Amino acid sequence: MYLCLSISYLLVLAIAIPASGFLVRTFILFHDCTHGSLLRSKRANSWLGTVLGLFVYAPFLRWRHDHAIHHATSGDLDRRGGGDVRTLTVAEYHDLPARARLGLPAVSPPARDVRDRSDRRAARRPAPGRQGRSPRMRRSVIGTNIARALFIGLLCWLVGWEDFLLVQAPTLMLAGSAGSGCSTCSTSSRTPTGRSPTAGATPTLHCAAART
């Protein structure tokens, strides 16, 4: 994409489409590492997940903690407020202002990144059965911040910050929108009571793609 900047920015945007697909795939591998299911070794999953987290703007230990909360509370309207995806009933969604409804599904990785780093109270809340791990999560966030700053600073020094943004921004926007859409559809396929839709429960959001 950087080499194509001197040819045509339309070509750069075209390449951003498969590049964003690779970034989404990277996030999937990162996600599997948080579940400990990509590699056989727990330590290997942690190390690889930490490295992949640099590319997807996510501190591994903190994201693993929040994602565990997401799985423990998904579909339970009485335990909302933690995890990755904001859960709303259909009525709550329609009660939101139009601007809020428009921006709800498409939360980009940088936006989540700011939330992860600013929400210090959640970082001090250990996961069930993981007492005493909060200092490690804080170190994970700080370490990811430092590594990302050095990496981005090096790239900006090599190619210039304008070219860096021209290449990085469309890829992140496409990957973030696709990933958030898939995550929202996956969450919306679960019901508030944990029952299937045929049992009479109302799903949190309408998303036909999640039921195909």
N, C-alpha and C. Protein backbone atom coordinates (compact mmCIF):
# COMPACT_ATOMS: atom_id res chain seq x y z
N MET A 1 0.84 -1.20 0.00
CA MET A 1 0.00 0.00 0.00
C MET A 1 0.87 1.25 0.00
N TYR A 2 1.97 1.21 0.76
CA TYR A 2 2.85 2.37 0.79
C TYR A 2 3.48 2.61 -0.57
N LEU A 3 3.91 1.55 -1.26
CA LEU A 3 4.53 1.69 -2.57
C LEU A 3 3.54 2.21 -3.60
N CYS A 4 2.26 1.93 -3.40
CA CYS A 4 1.23 2.37 -4.36
C CYS A 4 0.80 3.81 -4.15
N LEU A 5 1.24 4.45 -3.07
CA LEU A 5 0.86 5.83 -2.83
C LEU A 5 1.32 6.75 -3.96
N SER A 6 2.47 6.43 -4.55
CA SER A 6 2.99 7.27 -5.63
C SER A 6 2.29 7.01 -6.96
N ILE A 7 1.47 5.96 -7.01
CA ILE A 7 0.76 5.62 -8.25
C ILE A 7 -0.66 6.18 -8.22
N SER A 8 -1.45 5.73 -7.26
CA SER A 8 -2.84 6.19 -7.15
C SER A 8 -3.37 5.81 -5.77
N TYR A 9 -4.03 6.76 -5.12
CA TYR A 9 -4.59 6.44 -3.81
C TYR A 9 -5.81 5.53 -3.94
N LEU A 10 -6.46 5.54 -5.08
CA LEU A 10 -7.54 4.59 -5.31
C LEU A 10 -7.03 3.16 -5.27
N LEU A 11 -5.83 2.94 -5.78
CA LEU A 11 -5.22 1.61 -5.71
C LEU A 11 -4.90 1.25 -4.27
N VAL A 12 -4.45 2.22 -3.50
CA VAL A 12 -4.20 1.99 -2.07
C VAL A 12 -5.48 1.56 -1.37
N LEU A 13 -6.59 2.25 -1.66
CA LEU A 13 -7.87 1.91 -1.04
C LEU A 13 -8.35 0.53 -1.47
N ALA A 14 -8.07 0.16 -2.72
CA ALA A 14 -8.46 -1.17 -3.19
C ALA A 14 -7.68 -2.25 -2.44
N ILE A 15 -6.39 -2.02 -2.21
CA ILE A 15 -5.58 -2.99 -1.48
C ILE A 15 -5.98 -3.03 -0.01
N ALA A 16 -6.55 -1.93 0.49
CA ALA A 16 -6.98 -1.90 1.90
C ALA A 16 -8.06 -2.94 2.18
N ILE A 17 -8.80 -3.35 1.16
CA ILE A 17 -9.88 -4.33 1.37
C ILE A 17 -9.30 -5.69 1.78
N PRO A 18 -8.39 -6.29 0.97
CA PRO A 18 -7.80 -7.55 1.45
C PRO A 18 -6.93 -7.36 2.68
N ALA A 19 -6.28 -6.19 2.81
CA ALA A 19 -5.45 -5.95 4.00
C ALA A 19 -6.31 -5.97 5.26
N SER A 20 -7.49 -5.39 5.18
CA SER A 20 -8.38 -5.40 6.35
C SER A 20 -8.85 -6.81 6.65
N GLY A 21 -9.02 -7.63 5.61
CA GLY A 21 -9.37 -9.03 5.84
C GLY A 21 -8.28 -9.78 6.60
N PHE A 22 -7.03 -9.50 6.23
CA PHE A 22 -5.92 -10.12 6.96
C PHE A 22 -5.87 -9.63 8.40
N LEU A 23 -6.23 -8.36 8.62
CA LEU A 23 -6.22 -7.83 9.98
C LEU A 23 -7.32 -8.46 10.82
N VAL A 24 -8.49 -8.67 10.22
CA VAL A 24 -9.58 -9.36 10.92
C VAL A 24 -9.14 -10.79 11.27
N ARG A 25 -8.46 -11.43 10.32
CA ARG A 25 -7.97 -12.80 10.57
C ARG A 25 -6.95 -12.79 11.71
N THR A 26 -6.10 -11.76 11.75
CA THR A 26 -5.15 -11.64 12.84
C THR A 26 -5.87 -11.52 14.18
N PHE A 27 -6.97 -10.74 14.18
CA PHE A 27 -7.74 -10.59 15.41
C PHE A 27 -8.39 -11.92 15.82
N ILE A 28 -8.81 -12.71 14.85
CA ILE A 28 -9.39 -14.03 15.16
C ILE A 28 -8.35 -14.91 15.85
N LEU A 29 -7.12 -14.89 15.32
CA LEU A 29 -6.05 -15.67 15.96
C LEU A 29 -5.76 -15.15 17.36
N PHE A 30 -5.76 -13.83 17.53
CA PHE A 30 -5.59 -13.21 18.84
C PHE A 30 -6.69 -13.67 19.78
N HIS A 31 -7.93 -13.67 19.29
CA HIS A 31 -9.08 -14.13 20.07
C HIS A 31 -8.91 -15.58 20.51
N ASP A 32 -8.45 -16.44 19.59
CA ASP A 32 -8.26 -17.85 19.94
C ASP A 32 -7.17 -18.02 20.98
N CYS A 33 -6.16 -17.14 20.94
CA CYS A 33 -5.11 -17.21 21.96
C CYS A 33 -5.68 -16.86 23.34
N THR A 34 -6.63 -15.92 23.40
CA THR A 34 -7.22 -15.57 24.70
C THR A 34 -8.01 -16.72 25.28
N HIS A 35 -8.53 -17.59 24.41
CA HIS A 35 -9.23 -18.78 24.88
C HIS A 35 -8.27 -19.94 25.14
N GLY A 36 -7.00 -19.76 24.79
CA GLY A 36 -6.03 -20.83 24.96
C GLY A 36 -6.25 -21.99 24.00
N SER A 37 -6.87 -21.71 22.86
CA SER A 37 -7.26 -22.79 21.95
C SER A 37 -6.46 -22.81 20.65
N LEU A 38 -5.57 -21.84 20.43
CA LEU A 38 -4.82 -21.82 19.17
C LEU A 38 -3.62 -22.75 19.23
N LEU A 39 -2.89 -22.74 20.34
CA LEU A 39 -1.71 -23.57 20.53
C LEU A 39 -1.92 -24.48 21.73
N ARG A 40 -1.11 -25.51 21.83
CA ARG A 40 -1.29 -26.47 22.93
C ARG A 40 -0.83 -25.90 24.27
N SER A 41 0.19 -25.09 24.24
CA SER A 41 0.76 -24.57 25.47
C SER A 41 0.07 -23.27 25.90
N LYS A 42 -0.25 -23.16 27.17
CA LYS A 42 -0.85 -21.93 27.69
C LYS A 42 0.12 -20.77 27.57
N ARG A 43 1.39 -21.03 27.85
CA ARG A 43 2.39 -19.98 27.74
C ARG A 43 2.57 -19.52 26.31
N ALA A 44 2.57 -20.48 25.38
CA ALA A 44 2.71 -20.12 23.96
C ALA A 44 1.53 -19.28 23.49
N ASN A 45 0.32 -19.62 23.94
CA ASN A 45 -0.85 -18.81 23.59
C ASN A 45 -0.71 -17.38 24.13
N SER A 46 -0.18 -17.25 25.34
CA SER A 46 -0.02 -15.93 25.95
C SER A 46 1.02 -15.10 25.19
N TRP A 47 2.14 -15.71 24.85
CA TRP A 47 3.18 -14.96 24.14
C TRP A 47 2.72 -14.56 22.74
N LEU A 48 2.13 -15.50 22.01
CA LEU A 48 1.66 -15.18 20.66
C LEU A 48 0.53 -14.15 20.72
N GLY A 49 -0.38 -14.31 21.68
CA GLY A 49 -1.47 -13.35 21.83
C GLY A 49 -0.97 -11.96 22.13
N THR A 50 0.08 -11.86 22.94
CA THR A 50 0.66 -10.55 23.25
C THR A 50 1.24 -9.89 22.01
N VAL A 51 1.92 -10.67 21.17
CA VAL A 51 2.49 -10.13 19.93
C VAL A 51 1.38 -9.71 18.97
N LEU A 52 0.37 -10.57 18.79
CA LEU A 52 -0.73 -10.24 17.89
C LEU A 52 -1.50 -9.02 18.39
N GLY A 53 -1.55 -8.84 19.71
CA GLY A 53 -2.23 -7.69 20.28
C GLY A 53 -1.63 -6.36 19.83
N LEU A 54 -0.34 -6.37 19.49
CA LEU A 54 0.28 -5.15 19.00
C LEU A 54 -0.30 -4.73 17.66
N PHE A 55 -0.72 -5.70 16.87
CA PHE A 55 -1.24 -5.39 15.54
C PHE A 55 -2.73 -5.03 15.57
N VAL A 56 -3.42 -5.46 16.60
CA VAL A 56 -4.86 -5.20 16.67
C VAL A 56 -5.21 -4.20 17.78
N TYR A 57 -4.20 -3.53 18.32
CA TYR A 57 -4.41 -2.48 19.31
C TYR A 57 -5.13 -3.00 20.56
N ALA A 58 -4.70 -4.14 21.08
CA ALA A 58 -5.39 -4.71 22.24
C ALA A 58 -4.37 -5.32 23.20
N PRO A 59 -4.37 -4.90 24.48
CA PRO A 59 -3.50 -5.55 25.48
C PRO A 59 -4.04 -6.94 25.81
N PHE A 60 -3.21 -7.94 25.69
CA PHE A 60 -3.67 -9.33 25.74
C PHE A 60 -4.37 -9.68 27.05
N LEU A 61 -3.70 -9.48 28.18
CA LEU A 61 -4.27 -9.91 29.45
C LEU A 61 -5.55 -9.17 29.78
N ARG A 62 -5.56 -7.87 29.52
CA ARG A 62 -6.78 -7.10 29.81
C ARG A 62 -7.93 -7.54 28.91
N TRP A 63 -7.64 -7.75 27.61
CA TRP A 63 -8.70 -8.15 26.69
C TRP A 63 -9.21 -9.54 27.03
N ARG A 64 -8.30 -10.43 27.43
CA ARG A 64 -8.73 -11.78 27.83
C ARG A 64 -9.66 -11.73 29.03
N HIS A 65 -9.36 -10.86 29.96
CA HIS A 65 -10.21 -10.68 31.15
C HIS A 65 -11.60 -10.19 30.75
N ASP A 66 -11.65 -9.13 29.93
CA ASP A 66 -12.94 -8.58 29.51
C ASP A 66 -13.73 -9.58 28.67
N HIS A 67 -13.02 -10.34 27.85
CA HIS A 67 -13.72 -11.30 27.00
C HIS A 67 -14.28 -12.46 27.82
N ALA A 68 -13.59 -12.82 28.88
CA ALA A 68 -14.14 -13.86 29.78
C ALA A 68 -15.43 -13.37 30.43
N ILE A 69 -15.46 -12.08 30.81
CA ILE A 69 -16.69 -11.51 31.36
C ILE A 69 -17.80 -11.54 30.31
N HIS A 70 -17.43 -11.22 29.06
CA HIS A 70 -18.41 -11.26 27.97
C HIS A 70 -19.04 -12.64 27.85
N HIS A 71 -18.24 -13.69 27.88
CA HIS A 71 -18.79 -15.04 27.76
C HIS A 71 -19.61 -15.44 28.98
N ALA A 72 -19.20 -14.95 30.14
CA ALA A 72 -19.91 -15.31 31.38
C ALA A 72 -21.25 -14.61 31.50
N THR A 73 -21.41 -13.45 30.83
CA THR A 73 -22.63 -12.66 31.04
C THR A 73 -23.43 -12.44 29.76
N SER A 74 -22.97 -12.94 28.62
CA SER A 74 -23.64 -12.68 27.35
C SER A 74 -25.07 -13.21 27.37
N GLY A 75 -26.01 -12.34 27.00
CA GLY A 75 -27.41 -12.72 26.96
C GLY A 75 -28.13 -12.59 28.29
N ASP A 76 -27.40 -12.26 29.36
CA ASP A 76 -28.01 -12.09 30.68
C ASP A 76 -28.19 -10.59 30.92
N LEU A 77 -29.41 -10.10 30.76
CA LEU A 77 -29.68 -8.67 30.88
C LEU A 77 -29.46 -8.14 32.29
N ASP A 78 -29.45 -9.01 33.29
CA ASP A 78 -29.23 -8.58 34.66
C ASP A 78 -27.75 -8.42 34.99
N ARG A 79 -26.86 -8.86 34.08
CA ARG A 79 -25.42 -8.79 34.35
C ARG A 79 -24.69 -8.04 33.25
N ARG A 80 -25.37 -7.08 32.65
CA ARG A 80 -24.74 -6.29 31.58
C ARG A 80 -23.75 -5.27 32.15
N GLY A 81 -22.87 -4.78 31.26
CA GLY A 81 -21.96 -3.72 31.65
C GLY A 81 -20.50 -4.06 31.51
N GLY A 82 -20.16 -5.33 31.33
CA GLY A 82 -18.77 -5.73 31.15
C GLY A 82 -18.60 -6.46 29.84
N GLY A 83 -17.33 -6.73 29.50
CA GLY A 83 -17.07 -7.46 28.26
C GLY A 83 -16.92 -6.56 27.06
N ASP A 84 -17.06 -7.14 25.87
CA ASP A 84 -16.70 -6.44 24.65
C ASP A 84 -17.87 -5.71 24.00
N VAL A 85 -19.03 -6.35 24.00
CA VAL A 85 -20.15 -5.88 23.19
C VAL A 85 -21.25 -5.32 24.07
N ARG A 86 -21.69 -4.13 23.76
CA ARG A 86 -22.81 -3.53 24.48
C ARG A 86 -24.09 -4.25 24.09
N THR A 87 -24.81 -4.75 25.08
CA THR A 87 -26.01 -5.53 24.83
C THR A 87 -27.25 -4.71 25.14
N LEU A 88 -28.16 -4.63 24.17
CA LEU A 88 -29.41 -3.91 24.34
C LEU A 88 -30.57 -4.78 23.90
N THR A 89 -31.72 -4.59 24.53
CA THR A 89 -32.94 -5.20 23.99
C THR A 89 -33.36 -4.39 22.77
N VAL A 90 -34.28 -4.96 22.00
CA VAL A 90 -34.78 -4.25 20.83
C VAL A 90 -35.42 -2.93 21.24
N ALA A 91 -36.20 -2.94 22.33
CA ALA A 91 -36.86 -1.72 22.79
C ALA A 91 -35.84 -0.67 23.22
N GLU A 92 -34.79 -1.09 23.92
CA GLU A 92 -33.76 -0.14 24.35
C GLU A 92 -33.03 0.45 23.16
N TYR A 93 -32.79 -0.38 22.15
CA TYR A 93 -32.10 0.11 20.95
C TYR A 93 -32.94 1.17 20.25
N HIS A 94 -34.24 0.92 20.11
CA HIS A 94 -35.10 1.89 19.42
C HIS A 94 -35.33 3.15 20.24
N ASP A 95 -35.11 3.08 21.56
CA ASP A 95 -35.26 4.26 22.40
C ASP A 95 -34.04 5.18 22.33
N LEU A 96 -32.93 4.70 21.76
CA LEU A 96 -31.74 5.53 21.65
C LEU A 96 -31.94 6.63 20.62
N PRO A 97 -31.25 7.77 20.75
CA PRO A 97 -31.28 8.79 19.70
C PRO A 97 -30.72 8.22 18.40
N ALA A 98 -31.12 8.80 17.27
CA ALA A 98 -30.70 8.30 15.97
C ALA A 98 -29.18 8.25 15.84
N ARG A 99 -28.50 9.27 16.37
CA ARG A 99 -27.05 9.31 16.27
C ARG A 99 -26.42 8.15 17.02
N ALA A 100 -26.96 7.82 18.18
CA ALA A 100 -26.42 6.71 18.97
C ALA A 100 -26.68 5.37 18.28
N ARG A 101 -27.88 5.22 17.66
CA ARG A 101 -28.17 3.97 16.94
C ARG A 101 -27.24 3.80 15.76
N LEU A 102 -26.92 4.90 15.09
CA LEU A 102 -26.05 4.83 13.92
C LEU A 102 -24.64 4.40 14.28
N GLY A 103 -24.14 4.88 15.41
CA GLY A 103 -22.75 4.61 15.76
C GLY A 103 -22.55 3.40 16.63
N LEU A 104 -23.62 2.73 17.07
CA LEU A 104 -23.48 1.64 18.02
C LEU A 104 -22.71 0.45 17.47
N PRO A 105 -23.02 -0.10 16.27
CA PRO A 105 -22.35 -1.33 15.86
C PRO A 105 -20.91 -1.13 15.44
N ALA A 106 -20.56 0.02 14.88
CA ALA A 106 -19.25 0.18 14.25
C ALA A 106 -18.27 0.85 15.19
N VAL A 107 -17.81 0.10 16.18
CA VAL A 107 -16.80 0.61 17.10
C VAL A 107 -15.45 0.12 16.61
N SER A 108 -14.60 1.02 16.20
CA SER A 108 -13.33 0.62 15.60
C SER A 108 -12.34 0.20 16.67
N PRO A 109 -11.29 -0.58 16.30
CA PRO A 109 -10.28 -0.97 17.29
C PRO A 109 -9.63 0.20 18.01
N PRO A 110 -9.29 1.33 17.33
CA PRO A 110 -8.72 2.44 18.10
C PRO A 110 -9.68 2.98 19.15
N ALA A 111 -10.99 2.99 18.84
CA ALA A 111 -11.95 3.50 19.82
C ALA A 111 -12.01 2.57 21.03
N ARG A 112 -12.00 1.25 20.79
CA ARG A 112 -11.96 0.31 21.90
C ARG A 112 -10.66 0.46 22.66
N ASP A 113 -9.59 0.76 21.94
CA ASP A 113 -8.28 0.90 22.54
C ASP A 113 -8.28 2.03 23.56
N VAL A 114 -8.89 3.16 23.21
CA VAL A 114 -8.99 4.29 24.14
C VAL A 114 -9.80 3.89 25.36
N ARG A 115 -10.90 3.15 25.13
CA ARG A 115 -11.72 2.71 26.25
C ARG A 115 -10.94 1.79 27.17
N ASP A 116 -10.18 0.83 26.57
CA ASP A 116 -9.42 -0.12 27.37
C ASP A 116 -8.41 0.58 28.26
N ARG A 117 -7.79 1.63 27.72
CA ARG A 117 -6.72 2.28 28.45
C ARG A 117 -7.24 3.31 29.45
N SER A 118 -8.45 3.79 29.25
CA SER A 118 -8.99 4.82 30.15
C SER A 118 -9.79 4.23 31.29
N ASP A 119 -10.28 3.02 31.14
CA ASP A 119 -11.15 2.41 32.16
C ASP A 119 -10.29 1.71 33.20
N ARG A 120 -9.71 2.46 34.11
CA ARG A 120 -8.80 1.86 35.07
C ARG A 120 -9.54 1.10 36.16
N ARG A 121 -10.76 1.50 36.44
CA ARG A 121 -11.51 0.78 37.48
C ARG A 121 -11.74 -0.65 37.07
N ALA A 122 -12.06 -0.88 35.79
CA ALA A 122 -12.28 -2.25 35.34
C ALA A 122 -10.99 -3.04 35.39
N ALA A 123 -9.86 -2.39 35.13
CA ALA A 123 -8.58 -3.09 35.16
C ALA A 123 -8.23 -3.56 36.57
N ARG A 124 -8.80 -2.91 37.59
CA ARG A 124 -8.55 -3.32 38.96
C ARG A 124 -9.51 -4.41 39.42
N ARG A 125 -10.46 -4.81 38.54
CA ARG A 125 -11.44 -5.82 38.92
C ARG A 125 -11.00 -7.18 38.41
N PRO A 126 -10.48 -8.07 39.27
CA PRO A 126 -10.01 -9.36 38.81
C PRO A 126 -11.16 -10.22 38.31
N ALA A 127 -10.85 -11.10 37.37
CA ALA A 127 -11.85 -12.05 36.89
C ALA A 127 -12.12 -13.08 37.97
N PRO A 128 -13.32 -13.73 37.93
CA PRO A 128 -13.62 -14.77 38.91
C PRO A 128 -12.54 -15.84 38.92
N GLY A 129 -12.04 -16.19 40.10
CA GLY A 129 -11.02 -17.20 40.19
C GLY A 129 -9.64 -16.72 39.80
N ARG A 130 -9.48 -15.42 39.51
CA ARG A 130 -8.20 -14.87 39.07
C ARG A 130 -7.75 -13.76 40.01
N GLN A 131 -7.94 -13.94 41.30
CA GLN A 131 -7.60 -12.90 42.25
C GLN A 131 -6.10 -12.63 42.19
N GLY A 132 -5.75 -11.34 42.32
CA GLY A 132 -4.35 -10.97 42.34
C GLY A 132 -3.74 -10.77 40.97
N ARG A 133 -4.53 -10.85 39.91
CA ARG A 133 -3.99 -10.71 38.57
C ARG A 133 -4.05 -9.27 38.05
N SER A 134 -4.71 -8.34 38.74
CA SER A 134 -4.88 -6.99 38.21
C SER A 134 -3.55 -6.28 37.95
N PRO A 135 -2.50 -6.42 38.78
CA PRO A 135 -1.22 -5.78 38.42
C PRO A 135 -0.68 -6.29 37.08
N ARG A 136 -0.87 -7.57 36.79
CA ARG A 136 -0.42 -8.11 35.51
C ARG A 136 -1.19 -7.49 34.36
N MET A 137 -2.50 -7.27 34.57
CA MET A 137 -3.29 -6.64 33.52
C MET A 137 -2.84 -5.21 33.28
N ARG A 138 -2.53 -4.50 34.35
CA ARG A 138 -2.05 -3.12 34.18
C ARG A 138 -0.72 -3.11 33.45
N ARG A 139 0.16 -4.04 33.78
CA ARG A 139 1.44 -4.12 33.07
C ARG A 139 1.23 -4.48 31.61
N SER A 140 0.23 -5.31 31.34
CA SER A 140 -0.08 -5.67 29.95
C SER A 140 -0.52 -4.44 29.16
N VAL A 141 -1.36 -3.61 29.78
CA VAL A 141 -1.82 -2.39 29.11
C VAL A 141 -0.66 -1.43 28.88
N ILE A 142 0.14 -1.21 29.92
CA ILE A 142 1.26 -0.28 29.81
C ILE A 142 2.29 -0.79 28.80
N GLY A 143 2.59 -2.08 28.86
CA GLY A 143 3.56 -2.65 27.93
C GLY A 143 3.09 -2.56 26.49
N THR A 144 1.80 -2.81 26.26
CA THR A 144 1.26 -2.68 24.91
C THR A 144 1.31 -1.24 24.44
N ASN A 145 1.01 -0.31 25.33
CA ASN A 145 1.09 1.12 24.97
C ASN A 145 2.49 1.50 24.53
N ILE A 146 3.49 1.10 25.31
CA ILE A 146 4.87 1.46 25.01
C ILE A 146 5.32 0.83 23.70
N ALA A 147 5.03 -0.47 23.52
CA ALA A 147 5.44 -1.17 22.30
C ALA A 147 4.78 -0.57 21.07
N ARG A 148 3.49 -0.25 21.19
CA ARG A 148 2.79 0.35 20.04
C ARG A 148 3.35 1.74 19.73
N ALA A 149 3.64 2.51 20.75
CA ALA A 149 4.18 3.85 20.53
C ALA A 149 5.53 3.78 19.81
N LEU A 150 6.39 2.84 20.24
CA LEU A 150 7.68 2.68 19.59
C LEU A 150 7.53 2.20 18.15
N PHE A 151 6.62 1.26 17.93
CA PHE A 151 6.42 0.70 16.59
C PHE A 151 5.86 1.76 15.64
N ILE A 152 4.84 2.47 16.09
CA ILE A 152 4.24 3.51 15.25
C ILE A 152 5.23 4.65 15.03
N GLY A 153 5.97 5.01 16.09
CA GLY A 153 6.97 6.06 15.94
C GLY A 153 8.04 5.70 14.92
N LEU A 154 8.46 4.44 14.92
CA LEU A 154 9.46 3.99 13.95
C LEU A 154 8.93 4.06 12.53
N LEU A 155 7.69 3.61 12.34
CA LEU A 155 7.10 3.65 11.00
C LEU A 155 6.91 5.08 10.51
N CYS A 156 6.47 5.96 11.41
CA CYS A 156 6.29 7.36 11.02
C CYS A 156 7.63 8.00 10.67
N TRP A 157 8.69 7.60 11.37
CA TRP A 157 10.02 8.12 11.07
C TRP A 157 10.50 7.63 9.72
N LEU A 158 10.17 6.38 9.37
CA LEU A 158 10.64 5.80 8.11
C LEU A 158 9.87 6.32 6.90
N VAL A 159 8.53 6.44 7.02
CA VAL A 159 7.73 6.79 5.84
C VAL A 159 7.03 8.13 5.97
N GLY A 160 7.04 8.72 7.17
CA GLY A 160 6.32 9.98 7.37
C GLY A 160 4.94 9.71 7.95
N TRP A 161 4.52 10.58 8.87
CA TRP A 161 3.24 10.32 9.55
C TRP A 161 2.05 10.45 8.62
N GLU A 162 2.16 11.31 7.58
CA GLU A 162 1.03 11.44 6.65
C GLU A 162 0.80 10.16 5.88
N ASP A 163 1.89 9.60 5.32
CA ASP A 163 1.76 8.35 4.57
C ASP A 163 1.34 7.20 5.48
N PHE A 164 1.82 7.21 6.72
CA PHE A 164 1.42 6.17 7.67
C PHE A 164 -0.10 6.19 7.86
N LEU A 165 -0.65 7.38 8.06
CA LEU A 165 -2.10 7.49 8.26
C LEU A 165 -2.88 7.13 7.00
N LEU A 166 -2.36 7.52 5.84
CA LEU A 166 -3.04 7.21 4.58
C LEU A 166 -3.13 5.70 4.35
N VAL A 167 -2.16 4.97 4.84
CA VAL A 167 -2.16 3.51 4.69
C VAL A 167 -2.94 2.84 5.82
N GLN A 168 -2.70 3.31 7.04
CA GLN A 168 -3.26 2.63 8.21
C GLN A 168 -4.74 2.90 8.41
N ALA A 169 -5.17 4.15 8.19
CA ALA A 169 -6.54 4.53 8.52
C ALA A 169 -7.60 3.72 7.77
N PRO A 170 -7.55 3.59 6.44
CA PRO A 170 -8.60 2.82 5.76
C PRO A 170 -8.62 1.35 6.15
N THR A 171 -7.44 0.79 6.40
CA THR A 171 -7.38 -0.62 6.81
C THR A 171 -8.04 -0.82 8.16
N LEU A 172 -7.73 0.07 9.12
CA LEU A 172 -8.32 -0.05 10.45
C LEU A 172 -9.82 0.18 10.43
N MET A 173 -10.27 1.14 9.63
CA MET A 173 -11.70 1.44 9.57
C MET A 173 -12.48 0.26 9.00
N LEU A 174 -11.97 -0.32 7.91
CA LEU A 174 -12.67 -1.46 7.30
C LEU A 174 -12.64 -2.67 8.22
N ALA A 175 -11.47 -2.96 8.78
CA ALA A 175 -11.36 -4.12 9.67
C ALA A 175 -12.19 -3.93 10.93
N GLY A 176 -12.17 -2.72 11.50
CA GLY A 176 -12.96 -2.46 12.70
C GLY A 176 -14.44 -2.59 12.46
N SER A 177 -14.92 -2.08 11.32
CA SER A 177 -16.35 -2.17 11.01
C SER A 177 -16.76 -3.62 10.78
N ALA A 178 -15.94 -4.37 10.04
CA ALA A 178 -16.26 -5.77 9.77
C ALA A 178 -16.24 -6.59 11.06
N GLY A 179 -15.20 -6.38 11.87
CA GLY A 179 -15.09 -7.14 13.10
C GLY A 179 -16.19 -6.81 14.09
N SER A 180 -16.52 -5.53 14.22
CA SER A 180 -17.60 -5.13 15.14
C SER A 180 -18.94 -5.64 14.66
N GLY A 181 -19.15 -5.63 13.34
CA GLY A 181 -20.40 -6.15 12.80
C GLY A 181 -20.57 -7.63 13.08
N CYS A 182 -19.48 -8.40 12.87
CA CYS A 182 -19.54 -9.84 13.15
C CYS A 182 -19.76 -10.10 14.63
N SER A 183 -19.10 -9.32 15.48
CA SER A 183 -19.25 -9.49 16.92
C SER A 183 -20.66 -9.15 17.37
N THR A 184 -21.23 -8.09 16.81
CA THR A 184 -22.61 -7.71 17.16
C THR A 184 -23.59 -8.77 16.71
N CYS A 185 -23.40 -9.30 15.50
CA CYS A 185 -24.30 -10.35 15.01
C CYS A 185 -24.20 -11.59 15.87
N SER A 186 -22.98 -11.95 16.27
CA SER A 186 -22.79 -13.13 17.10
C SER A 186 -23.48 -12.97 18.44
N THR A 187 -23.34 -11.79 19.04
CA THR A 187 -23.97 -11.54 20.34
C THR A 187 -25.48 -11.49 20.22
N SER A 188 -25.98 -10.92 19.12
CA SER A 188 -27.42 -10.75 18.98
C SER A 188 -28.13 -12.07 18.74
N SER A 189 -27.38 -13.13 18.39
CA SER A 189 -28.01 -14.42 18.18
C SER A 189 -28.34 -15.10 19.49
N ARG A 190 -27.80 -14.56 20.62
CA ARG A 190 -28.10 -15.11 21.94
C ARG A 190 -29.28 -14.33 22.52
N THR A 191 -30.07 -14.97 23.32
CA THR A 191 -31.27 -14.33 23.86
C THR A 191 -31.06 -13.95 25.31
N PRO A 192 -31.86 -13.01 25.85
CA PRO A 192 -31.68 -12.57 27.23
C PRO A 192 -31.79 -13.69 28.24
N THR A 193 -32.59 -14.71 27.96
CA THR A 193 -32.79 -15.78 28.92
C THR A 193 -31.91 -16.98 28.64
N GLY A 194 -31.15 -16.95 27.54
CA GLY A 194 -30.34 -18.08 27.17
C GLY A 194 -31.08 -19.12 26.37
N ARG A 195 -32.38 -18.89 26.10
CA ARG A 195 -33.17 -19.84 25.33
C ARG A 195 -33.06 -19.53 23.84
N SER A 196 -33.45 -20.48 23.03
CA SER A 196 -33.45 -20.24 21.60
C SER A 196 -34.62 -19.34 21.23
N PRO A 197 -34.54 -18.60 20.08
CA PRO A 197 -35.64 -17.71 19.69
C PRO A 197 -36.97 -18.43 19.54
N THR A 198 -36.93 -19.72 19.20
CA THR A 198 -38.18 -20.46 19.03
C THR A 198 -38.88 -20.73 20.34
N ALA A 199 -38.16 -20.53 21.46
CA ALA A 199 -38.77 -20.78 22.76
C ALA A 199 -39.58 -19.59 23.26
N GLY A 200 -39.62 -18.52 22.46
CA GLY A 200 -40.45 -17.38 22.83
C GLY A 200 -39.71 -16.19 23.36
N ALA A 201 -38.37 -16.29 23.48
CA ALA A 201 -37.61 -15.15 23.98
C ALA A 201 -37.34 -14.16 22.86
N THR A 202 -37.12 -12.91 23.23
CA THR A 202 -36.85 -11.86 22.24
C THR A 202 -35.36 -11.65 22.12
N PRO A 203 -34.77 -11.79 20.92
CA PRO A 203 -33.33 -11.57 20.78
C PRO A 203 -32.97 -10.12 21.03
N THR A 204 -31.72 -9.87 21.38
CA THR A 204 -31.29 -8.53 21.74
C THR A 204 -31.31 -7.58 20.56
N LEU A 205 -30.89 -8.02 19.38
CA LEU A 205 -30.92 -7.19 18.18
C LEU A 205 -31.28 -8.08 17.00
N HIS A 206 -31.96 -7.50 16.00
CA HIS A 206 -32.28 -8.26 14.82
C HIS A 206 -31.05 -8.40 13.94
N CYS A 207 -30.66 -9.61 13.63
CA CYS A 207 -29.51 -9.83 12.74
C CYS A 207 -29.68 -11.19 12.09
N ALA A 208 -30.23 -11.21 10.89
CA ALA A 208 -30.50 -12.49 10.22
C ALA A 208 -29.23 -13.24 9.92
N ALA A 209 -28.13 -12.50 9.70
CA ALA A 209 -26.88 -13.17 9.33
C ALA A 209 -26.38 -14.09 10.42
N ALA A 210 -26.71 -13.79 11.67
CA ALA A 210 -26.22 -14.61 12.77
C ALA A 210 -26.96 -15.94 12.85
N ARG A 211 -28.07 -16.06 12.12
CA ARG A 211 -28.87 -17.30 12.23
C ARG A 211 -28.79 -18.15 10.97
N THR A 212 -27.90 -17.81 10.06
CA THR A 212 -27.73 -18.61 8.84
C THR A 212 -26.63 -19.62 9.03
